[in-house]
Amino acid sequence: MYLNIEKKQEIFGKHGKGTTDTGSAESQIALFTYRISHLTEHLKKNRKDYVTARSLTQLVGKRRALLNYLYDRDVNRYRAIIKALGLRK
């Protein structure tokens, strides 16, 4: 499996407030970003996998909704997560 417990703890430890901080917007956005990059690589090899393409679209929508929430609540946290993940250039 591509996303095991150790990988999740690494993502949450790097972008959250600790390895047990699984609910903050920053840690969820980081997790979604990791999953999106994995699905994107899968779709480059399997371009006719429509179920995965739909899942990817849904994940991007969830991440965008969380980013919009974070932007409305605290612009500085929004800018920090965008910069940390390299989502915008």
PDB file of N, CA and C in Angstrom:
ATOM      1  N   MET A   1       0.843  -1.188   0.000  1.00  0.00           N
ATOM      2  CA  MET A   1       0.000   0.000   0.000  1.00  0.00           C
ATOM      3  C   MET A   1       0.885   1.248   0.000  1.00  0.00           C
ATOM      4  N   TYR A   2       0.523   2.222  -0.758  1.00  0.00           N
ATOM      5  CA  TYR A   2       1.350   3.409  -0.918  1.00  0.00           C
ATOM      6  C   TYR A   2       1.271   4.363   0.269  1.00  0.00           C
ATOM      7  N   LEU A   3       0.225   4.277   1.062  1.00  0.00           N
ATOM      8  CA  LEU A   3       0.039   5.220   2.167  1.00  0.00           C
ATOM      9  C   LEU A   3      -0.141   4.431   3.464  1.00  0.00           C
ATOM     10  N   ASN A   4       0.991   4.115   4.098  1.00  0.00           N
ATOM     11  CA  ASN A   4       0.920   3.371   5.344  1.00  0.00           C
ATOM     12  C   ASN A   4       0.953   4.328   6.535  1.00  0.00           C
ATOM     13  N   ILE A   5       0.893   3.774   7.721  1.00  0.00           N
ATOM     14  CA  ILE A   5       0.817   4.582   8.938  1.00  0.00           C
ATOM     15  C   ILE A   5       2.061   5.451   9.110  1.00  0.00           C
ATOM     16  N   GLU A   6       3.227   4.897   8.793  1.00  0.00           N
ATOM     17  CA  GLU A   6       4.462   5.669   8.942  1.00  0.00           C
ATOM     18  C   GLU A   6       4.479   6.887   8.024  1.00  0.00           C
ATOM     19  N   LYS A   7       4.007   6.701   6.794  1.00  0.00           N
ATOM     20  CA  LYS A   7       3.972   7.824   5.844  1.00  0.00           C
ATOM     21  C   LYS A   7       2.997   8.902   6.304  1.00  0.00           C
ATOM     22  N   LYS A   8       1.838   8.483   6.831  1.00  0.00           N
ATOM     23  CA  LYS A   8       0.866   9.446   7.344  1.00  0.00           C
ATOM     24  C   LYS A   8       1.454  10.226   8.516  1.00  0.00           C
ATOM     25  N   GLN A   9       2.115   9.528   9.434  1.00  0.00           N
ATOM     26  CA  GLN A   9       2.717  10.197  10.583  1.00  0.00           C
ATOM     27  C   GLN A   9       3.797  11.177  10.135  1.00  0.00           C
ATOM     28  N   GLU A  10       4.540  10.817   9.097  1.00  0.00           N
ATOM     29  CA  GLU A  10       5.556  11.723   8.562  1.00  0.00           C
ATOM     30  C   GLU A  10       4.914  12.992   7.994  1.00  0.00           C
ATOM     31  N   ILE A  11       3.837  12.823   7.250  1.00  0.00           N
ATOM     32  CA  ILE A  11       3.136  13.974   6.665  1.00  0.00           C
ATOM     33  C   ILE A  11       2.544  14.851   7.759  1.00  0.00           C
ATOM     34  N   PHE A  12       1.880  14.228   8.733  1.00  0.00           N
ATOM     35  CA  PHE A  12       1.266  14.994   9.820  1.00  0.00           C
ATOM     36  C   PHE A  12       2.318  15.656  10.691  1.00  0.00           C
ATOM     37  N   GLY A  13       3.445  14.993  10.910  1.00  0.00           N
ATOM     38  CA  GLY A  13       4.513  15.587  11.711  1.00  0.00           C
ATOM     39  C   GLY A  13       5.157  16.776  11.027  1.00  0.00           C
ATOM     40  N   LYS A  14       5.256  16.705   9.709  1.00  0.00           N
ATOM     41  CA  LYS A  14       5.907  17.783   8.959  1.00  0.00           C
ATOM     42  C   LYS A  14       5.001  19.003   8.791  1.00  0.00           C
ATOM     43  N   HIS A  15       3.717  18.776   8.548  1.00  0.00           N
ATOM     44  CA  HIS A  15       2.818  19.884   8.220  1.00  0.00           C
ATOM     45  C   HIS A  15       1.797  20.200   9.304  1.00  0.00           C
ATOM     46  N   GLY A  16       1.658  19.329  10.282  1.00  0.00           N
ATOM     47  CA  GLY A  16       0.717  19.580  11.369  1.00  0.00           C
ATOM     48  C   GLY A  16       1.444  20.074  12.604  1.00  0.00           C
ATOM     49  N   LYS A  17       0.754  19.992  13.717  1.00  0.00           N
ATOM     50  CA  LYS A  17       1.341  20.413  14.978  1.00  0.00           C
ATOM     51  C   LYS A  17       2.030  19.251  15.685  1.00  0.00           C
ATOM     52  N   GLY A  18       2.010  18.091  15.088  1.00  0.00           N
ATOM     53  CA  GLY A  18       2.614  16.893  15.650  1.00  0.00           C
ATOM     54  C   GLY A  18       2.110  15.676  14.898  1.00  0.00           C
ATOM     55  N   THR A  19       2.608  14.503  15.267  1.00  0.00           N
ATOM     56  CA  THR A  19       2.203  13.304  14.529  1.00  0.00           C
ATOM     57  C   THR A  19       0.762  12.899  14.825  1.00  0.00           C
ATOM     58  N   THR A  20       0.209  13.389  15.930  1.00  0.00           N
ATOM     59  CA  THR A  20      -1.175  13.046  16.258  1.00  0.00           C
ATOM     60  C   THR A  20      -2.162  14.106  15.775  1.00  0.00           C
ATOM     61  N   ASP A  21      -1.677  15.177  15.161  1.00  0.00           N
ATOM     62  CA  ASP A  21      -2.549  16.242  14.651  1.00  0.00           C
ATOM     63  C   ASP A  21      -3.051  15.852  13.273  1.00  0.00           C
ATOM     64  N   THR A  22      -4.139  15.096  13.249  1.00  0.00           N
ATOM     65  CA  THR A  22      -4.651  14.602  11.976  1.00  0.00           C
ATOM     66  C   THR A  22      -5.831  15.406  11.456  1.00  0.00           C
ATOM     67  N   GLY A  23      -6.356  16.324  12.250  1.00  0.00           N
ATOM     68  CA  GLY A  23      -7.567  17.013  11.857  1.00  0.00           C
ATOM     69  C   GLY A  23      -7.391  18.437  11.408  1.00  0.00           C
ATOM     70  N   SER A  24      -6.212  19.009  11.586  1.00  0.00           N
ATOM     71  CA  SER A  24      -6.039  20.410  11.197  1.00  0.00           C
ATOM     72  C   SER A  24      -6.087  20.534   9.673  1.00  0.00           C
ATOM     73  N   ALA A  25      -6.447  21.701   9.223  1.00  0.00           N
ATOM     74  CA  ALA A  25      -6.572  21.937   7.787  1.00  0.00           C
ATOM     75  C   ALA A  25      -5.237  21.736   7.078  1.00  0.00           C
ATOM     76  N   GLU A  26      -4.147  22.177   7.706  1.00  0.00           N
ATOM     77  CA  GLU A  26      -2.832  22.048   7.083  1.00  0.00           C
ATOM     78  C   GLU A  26      -2.451  20.586   6.866  1.00  0.00           C
ATOM     79  N   SER A  27      -2.686  19.758   7.876  1.00  0.00           N
ATOM     80  CA  SER A  27      -2.305  18.358   7.747  1.00  0.00           C
ATOM     81  C   SER A  27      -3.202  17.643   6.731  1.00  0.00           C
ATOM     82  N   GLN A  28      -4.475  17.974   6.690  1.00  0.00           N
ATOM     83  CA  GLN A  28      -5.367  17.368   5.707  1.00  0.00           C
ATOM     84  C   GLN A  28      -5.005  17.794   4.294  1.00  0.00           C
ATOM     85  N   ILE A  29      -4.663  19.057   4.106  1.00  0.00           N
ATOM     86  CA  ILE A  29      -4.254  19.533   2.783  1.00  0.00           C
ATOM     87  C   ILE A  29      -2.982  18.831   2.342  1.00  0.00           C
ATOM     88  N   ALA A  30      -2.042  18.644   3.258  1.00  0.00           N
ATOM     89  CA  ALA A  30      -0.797  17.951   2.926  1.00  0.00           C
ATOM     90  C   ALA A  30      -1.075  16.499   2.549  1.00  0.00           C
ATOM     91  N   LEU A  31      -1.975  15.848   3.268  1.00  0.00           N
ATOM     92  CA  LEU A  31      -2.326  14.466   2.959  1.00  0.00           C
ATOM     93  C   LEU A  31      -3.008  14.382   1.594  1.00  0.00           C
ATOM     94  N   PHE A  32      -3.939  15.276   1.328  1.00  0.00           N
ATOM     95  CA  PHE A  32      -4.604  15.295   0.027  1.00  0.00           C
ATOM     96  C   PHE A  32      -3.599  15.539  -1.097  1.00  0.00           C
ATOM     97  N   THR A  33      -2.642  16.416  -0.867  1.00  0.00           N
ATOM     98  CA  THR A  33      -1.634  16.710  -1.888  1.00  0.00           C
ATOM     99  C   THR A  33      -0.799  15.479  -2.194  1.00  0.00           C
ATOM    100  N   TYR A  34      -0.420  14.735  -1.159  1.00  0.00           N
ATOM    101  CA  TYR A  34       0.338  13.505  -1.369  1.00  0.00           C
ATOM    102  C   TYR A  34      -0.484  12.499  -2.179  1.00  0.00           C
ATOM    103  N   ARG A  35      -1.750  12.335  -1.809  1.00  0.00           N
ATOM    104  CA  ARG A  35      -2.608  11.396  -2.525  1.00  0.00           C
ATOM    105  C   ARG A  35      -2.845  11.840  -3.964  1.00  0.00           C
ATOM    106  N   ILE A  36      -2.992  13.143  -4.190  1.00  0.00           N
ATOM    107  CA  ILE A  36      -3.200  13.665  -5.545  1.00  0.00           C
ATOM    108  C   ILE A  36      -1.982  13.385  -6.417  1.00  0.00           C
ATOM    109  N   SER A  37      -0.792  13.592  -5.866  1.00  0.00           N
ATOM    110  CA  SER A  37       0.413  13.336  -6.660  1.00  0.00           C
ATOM    111  C   SER A  37       0.534  11.850  -6.992  1.00  0.00           C
ATOM    112  N   HIS A  38       0.167  10.988  -6.054  1.00  0.00           N
ATOM    113  CA  HIS A  38       0.220   9.551  -6.318  1.00  0.00           C
ATOM    114  C   HIS A  38      -0.778   9.166  -7.409  1.00  0.00           C
ATOM    115  N   LEU A  39      -2.002   9.668  -7.325  1.00  0.00           N
ATOM    116  CA  LEU A  39      -3.010   9.346  -8.338  1.00  0.00           C
ATOM    117  C   LEU A  39      -2.647   9.928  -9.702  1.00  0.00           C
ATOM    118  N   THR A  40      -2.017  11.078  -9.713  1.00  0.00           N
ATOM    119  CA  THR A  40      -1.592  11.674 -10.979  1.00  0.00           C
ATOM    120  C   THR A  40      -0.568  10.789 -11.675  1.00  0.00           C
ATOM    121  N   GLU A  41       0.392  10.273 -10.905  1.00  0.00           N
ATOM    122  CA  GLU A  41       1.385   9.363 -11.484  1.00  0.00           C
ATOM    123  C   GLU A  41       0.722   8.088 -11.998  1.00  0.00           C
ATOM    124  N   HIS A  42      -0.260   7.582 -11.276  1.00  0.00           N
ATOM    125  CA  HIS A  42      -0.986   6.388 -11.712  1.00  0.00           C
ATOM    126  C   HIS A  42      -1.714   6.657 -13.027  1.00  0.00           C
ATOM    127  N   LEU A  43      -2.331   7.819 -13.146  1.00  0.00           N
ATOM    128  CA  LEU A  43      -3.096   8.127 -14.355  1.00  0.00           C
ATOM    129  C   LEU A  43      -2.195   8.394 -15.561  1.00  0.00           C
ATOM    130  N   LYS A  44      -0.957   8.767 -15.314  1.00  0.00           N
ATOM    131  CA  LYS A  44      -0.034   8.925 -16.452  1.00  0.00           C
ATOM    132  C   LYS A  44       0.241   7.579 -17.111  1.00  0.00           C
ATOM    133  N   LYS A  45       0.240   6.518 -16.310  1.00  0.00           N
ATOM    134  CA  LYS A  45       0.492   5.172 -16.839  1.00  0.00           C
ATOM    135  C   LYS A  45      -0.798   4.501 -17.316  1.00  0.00           C
ATOM    136  N   ASN A  46      -1.909   4.809 -16.657  1.00  0.00           N
ATOM    137  CA  ASN A  46      -3.191   4.153 -16.944  1.00  0.00           C
ATOM    138  C   ASN A  46      -4.227   5.204 -17.302  1.00  0.00           C
ATOM    139  N   ARG A  47      -4.144   5.711 -18.507  1.00  0.00           N
ATOM    140  CA  ARG A  47      -4.966   6.866 -18.861  1.00  0.00           C
ATOM    141  C   ARG A  47      -6.443   6.541 -19.008  1.00  0.00           C
ATOM    142  N   LYS A  48      -6.808   5.282 -19.123  1.00  0.00           N
ATOM    143  CA  LYS A  48      -8.221   4.923 -19.274  1.00  0.00           C
ATOM    144  C   LYS A  48      -8.873   4.490 -17.963  1.00  0.00           C
ATOM    145  N   ASP A  49      -8.207   4.714 -16.871  1.00  0.00           N
ATOM    146  CA  ASP A  49      -8.752   4.370 -15.554  1.00  0.00           C
ATOM    147  C   ASP A  49      -9.670   5.508 -15.112  1.00  0.00           C
ATOM    148  N   TYR A  50     -10.930   5.426 -15.510  1.00  0.00           N
ATOM    149  CA  TYR A  50     -11.867   6.510 -15.281  1.00  0.00           C
ATOM    150  C   TYR A  50     -12.296   6.635 -13.819  1.00  0.00           C
ATOM    151  N   VAL A  51     -12.305   5.522 -13.103  1.00  0.00           N
ATOM    152  CA  VAL A  51     -12.667   5.559 -11.691  1.00  0.00           C
ATOM    153  C   VAL A  51     -11.625   6.342 -10.904  1.00  0.00           C
ATOM    154  N   THR A  52     -10.359   6.106 -11.192  1.00  0.00           N
ATOM    155  CA  THR A  52      -9.289   6.846 -10.522  1.00  0.00           C
ATOM    156  C   THR A  52      -9.313   8.316 -10.929  1.00  0.00           C
ATOM    157  N   ALA A  53      -9.643   8.586 -12.186  1.00  0.00           N
ATOM    158  CA  ALA A  53      -9.727   9.977 -12.632  1.00  0.00           C
ATOM    159  C   ALA A  53     -10.822  10.719 -11.872  1.00  0.00           C
ATOM    160  N   ARG A  54     -11.941  10.046 -11.634  1.00  0.00           N
ATOM    161  CA  ARG A  54     -13.025  10.659 -10.868  1.00  0.00           C
ATOM    162  C   ARG A  54     -12.591  10.878  -9.420  1.00  0.00           C
ATOM    163  N   SER A  55     -11.912   9.908  -8.839  1.00  0.00           N
ATOM    164  CA  SER A  55     -11.418  10.054  -7.467  1.00  0.00           C
ATOM    165  C   SER A  55     -10.434  11.210  -7.363  1.00  0.00           C
ATOM    166  N   LEU A  56      -9.595  11.357  -8.369  1.00  0.00           N
ATOM    167  CA  LEU A  56      -8.643  12.462  -8.387  1.00  0.00           C
ATOM    168  C   LEU A  56      -9.374  13.798  -8.434  1.00  0.00           C
ATOM    169  N   THR A  57     -10.399  13.899  -9.245  1.00  0.00           N
ATOM    170  CA  THR A  57     -11.183  15.130  -9.337  1.00  0.00           C
ATOM    171  C   THR A  57     -11.839  15.461  -7.997  1.00  0.00           C
ATOM    172  N   GLN A  58     -12.360  14.445  -7.324  1.00  0.00           N
ATOM    173  CA  GLN A  58     -12.978  14.663  -6.022  1.00  0.00           C
ATOM    174  C   GLN A  58     -11.956  15.129  -4.988  1.00  0.00           C
ATOM    175  N   LEU A  59     -10.765  14.531  -4.996  1.00  0.00           N
ATOM    176  CA  LEU A  59      -9.721  14.932  -4.049  1.00  0.00           C
ATOM    177  C   LEU A  59      -9.278  16.368  -4.281  1.00  0.00           C
ATOM    178  N   VAL A  60      -9.147  16.744  -5.535  1.00  0.00           N
ATOM    179  CA  VAL A  60      -8.763  18.124  -5.845  1.00  0.00           C
ATOM    180  C   VAL A  60      -9.833  19.088  -5.342  1.00  0.00           C
ATOM    181  N   GLY A  61     -11.099  18.712  -5.486  1.00  0.00           N
ATOM    182  CA  GLY A  61     -12.190  19.546  -4.985  1.00  0.00           C
ATOM    183  C   GLY A  61     -12.176  19.665  -3.473  1.00  0.00           C
ATOM    184  N   LYS A  62     -11.911  18.568  -2.781  1.00  0.00           N
ATOM    185  CA  LYS A  62     -11.830  18.605  -1.320  1.00  0.00           C
ATOM    186  C   LYS A  62     -10.678  19.487  -0.863  1.00  0.00           C
ATOM    187  N   ARG A  63      -9.527  19.340  -1.537  1.00  0.00           N
ATOM    188  CA  ARG A  63      -8.372  20.158  -1.169  1.00  0.00           C
ATOM    189  C   ARG A  63      -8.655  21.638  -1.421  1.00  0.00           C
ATOM    190  N   ARG A  64      -9.309  21.943  -2.542  1.00  0.00           N
ATOM    191  CA  ARG A  64      -9.639  23.332  -2.859  1.00  0.00           C
ATOM    192  C   ARG A  64     -10.596  23.903  -1.818  1.00  0.00           C
ATOM    193  N   ALA A  65     -11.567  23.114  -1.378  1.00  0.00           N
ATOM    194  CA  ALA A  65     -12.504  23.574  -0.356  1.00  0.00           C
ATOM    195  C   ALA A  65     -11.782  23.868   0.957  1.00  0.00           C
ATOM    196  N   LEU A  66     -10.849  23.010   1.341  1.00  0.00           N
ATOM    197  CA  LEU A  66     -10.078  23.251   2.569  1.00  0.00           C
ATOM    198  C   LEU A  66      -9.182  24.484   2.429  1.00  0.00           C
ATOM    199  N   LEU A  67      -8.595  24.659   1.249  1.00  0.00           N
ATOM    200  CA  LEU A  67      -7.766  25.846   1.025  1.00  0.00           C
ATOM    201  C   LEU A  67      -8.611  27.113   1.086  1.00  0.00           C
ATOM    202  N   ASN A  68      -9.807  27.070   0.529  1.00  0.00           N
ATOM    203  CA  ASN A  68     -10.702  28.233   0.608  1.00  0.00           C
ATOM    204  C   ASN A  68     -11.093  28.521   2.044  1.00  0.00           C
ATOM    205  N   TYR A  69     -11.369  27.472   2.819  1.00  0.00           N
ATOM    206  CA  TYR A  69     -11.695  27.628   4.241  1.00  0.00           C
ATOM    207  C   TYR A  69     -10.532  28.281   4.980  1.00  0.00           C
ATOM    208  N   LEU A  70      -9.338  27.793   4.727  1.00  0.00           N
ATOM    209  CA  LEU A  70      -8.159  28.331   5.397  1.00  0.00           C
ATOM    210  C   LEU A  70      -7.908  29.779   4.989  1.00  0.00           C
ATOM    211  N   TYR A  71      -8.159  30.099   3.728  1.00  0.00           N
ATOM    212  CA  TYR A  71      -7.976  31.474   3.253  1.00  0.00           C
ATOM    213  C   TYR A  71      -8.951  32.424   3.945  1.00  0.00           C
ATOM    214  N   ASP A  72     -10.188  31.971   4.121  1.00  0.00           N
ATOM    215  CA  ASP A  72     -11.192  32.802   4.788  1.00  0.00           C
ATOM    216  C   ASP A  72     -10.878  33.004   6.264  1.00  0.00           C
ATOM    217  N   ARG A  73     -10.330  31.994   6.917  1.00  0.00           N
ATOM    218  CA  ARG A  73     -10.074  32.060   8.358  1.00  0.00           C
ATOM    219  C   ARG A  73      -8.776  32.778   8.704  1.00  0.00           C
ATOM    220  N   ASP A  74      -7.694  32.420   8.002  1.00  0.00           N
ATOM    221  CA  ASP A  74      -6.380  32.959   8.348  1.00  0.00           C
ATOM    222  C   ASP A  74      -5.488  32.951   7.111  1.00  0.00           C
ATOM    223  N   VAL A  75      -5.277  34.105   6.529  1.00  0.00           N
ATOM    224  CA  VAL A  75      -4.522  34.215   5.284  1.00  0.00           C
ATOM    225  C   VAL A  75      -3.063  33.810   5.487  1.00  0.00           C
ATOM    226  N   ASN A  76      -2.509  34.084   6.647  1.00  0.00           N
ATOM    227  CA  ASN A  76      -1.110  33.737   6.894  1.00  0.00           C
ATOM    228  C   ASN A  76      -0.905  32.227   6.918  1.00  0.00           C
ATOM    229  N   ARG A  77      -1.824  31.486   7.534  1.00  0.00           N
ATOM    230  CA  ARG A  77      -1.735  30.023   7.520  1.00  0.00           C
ATOM    231  C   ARG A  77      -1.902  29.497   6.096  1.00  0.00           C
ATOM    232  N   TYR A  78      -2.796  30.122   5.330  1.00  0.00           N
ATOM    233  CA  TYR A  78      -3.008  29.743   3.939  1.00  0.00           C
ATOM    234  C   TYR A  78      -1.723  29.922   3.135  1.00  0.00           C
ATOM    235  N   ARG A  79      -1.097  31.071   3.277  1.00  0.00           N
ATOM    236  CA  ARG A  79       0.149  31.335   2.543  1.00  0.00           C
ATOM    237  C   ARG A  79       1.263  30.387   2.961  1.00  0.00           C
ATOM    238  N   ALA A  80       1.307  30.049   4.246  1.00  0.00           N
ATOM    239  CA  ALA A  80       2.353  29.149   4.742  1.00  0.00           C
ATOM    240  C   ALA A  80       2.204  27.747   4.153  1.00  0.00           C
ATOM    241  N   ILE A  81       0.982  27.234   4.090  1.00  0.00           N
ATOM    242  CA  ILE A  81       0.790  25.883   3.556  1.00  0.00           C
ATOM    243  C   ILE A  81       0.987  25.855   2.046  1.00  0.00           C
ATOM    244  N   ILE A  82       0.603  26.919   1.367  1.00  0.00           N
ATOM    245  CA  ILE A  82       0.835  27.005  -0.083  1.00  0.00           C
ATOM    246  C   ILE A  82       2.345  26.987  -0.365  1.00  0.00           C
ATOM    247  N   LYS A  83       3.088  27.731   0.407  1.00  0.00           N
ATOM    248  CA  LYS A  83       4.529  27.789   0.216  1.00  0.00           C
ATOM    249  C   LYS A  83       5.190  26.471   0.597  1.00  0.00           C
ATOM    250  N   ALA A  84       4.750  25.850   1.700  1.00  0.00           N
ATOM    251  CA  ALA A  84       5.357  24.599   2.158  1.00  0.00           C
ATOM    252  C   ALA A  84       5.130  23.460   1.166  1.00  0.00           C
ATOM    253  N   LEU A  85       3.973  23.427   0.551  1.00  0.00           N
ATOM    254  CA  LEU A  85       3.651  22.348  -0.374  1.00  0.00           C
ATOM    255  C   LEU A  85       4.019  22.678  -1.812  1.00  0.00           C
ATOM    256  N   GLY A  86       4.315  23.944  -2.075  1.00  0.00           N
ATOM    257  CA  GLY A  86       4.666  24.345  -3.436  1.00  0.00           C
ATOM    258  C   GLY A  86       3.509  24.251  -4.408  1.00  0.00           C
ATOM    259  N   LEU A  87       2.323  24.646  -3.946  1.00  0.00           N
ATOM    260  CA  LEU A  87       1.143  24.535  -4.803  1.00  0.00           C
ATOM    261  C   LEU A  87       1.042  25.646  -5.836  1.00  0.00           C
ATOM    262  N   ARG A  88       1.554  26.814  -5.508  1.00  0.00           N
ATOM    263  CA  ARG A  88       1.528  27.937  -6.458  1.00  0.00           C
ATOM    264  C   ARG A  88       2.937  28.436  -6.664  1.00  0.00           C
ATOM    265  N   LYS A  89       3.139  29.010  -7.820  1.00  0.00           N
ATOM    266  CA  LYS A  89       4.489  29.503  -8.117  1.00  0.00           C
ATOM    267  C   LYS A  89       4.501  30.994  -8.269  1.00  0.00           C
TER     268      LYS A  89
END
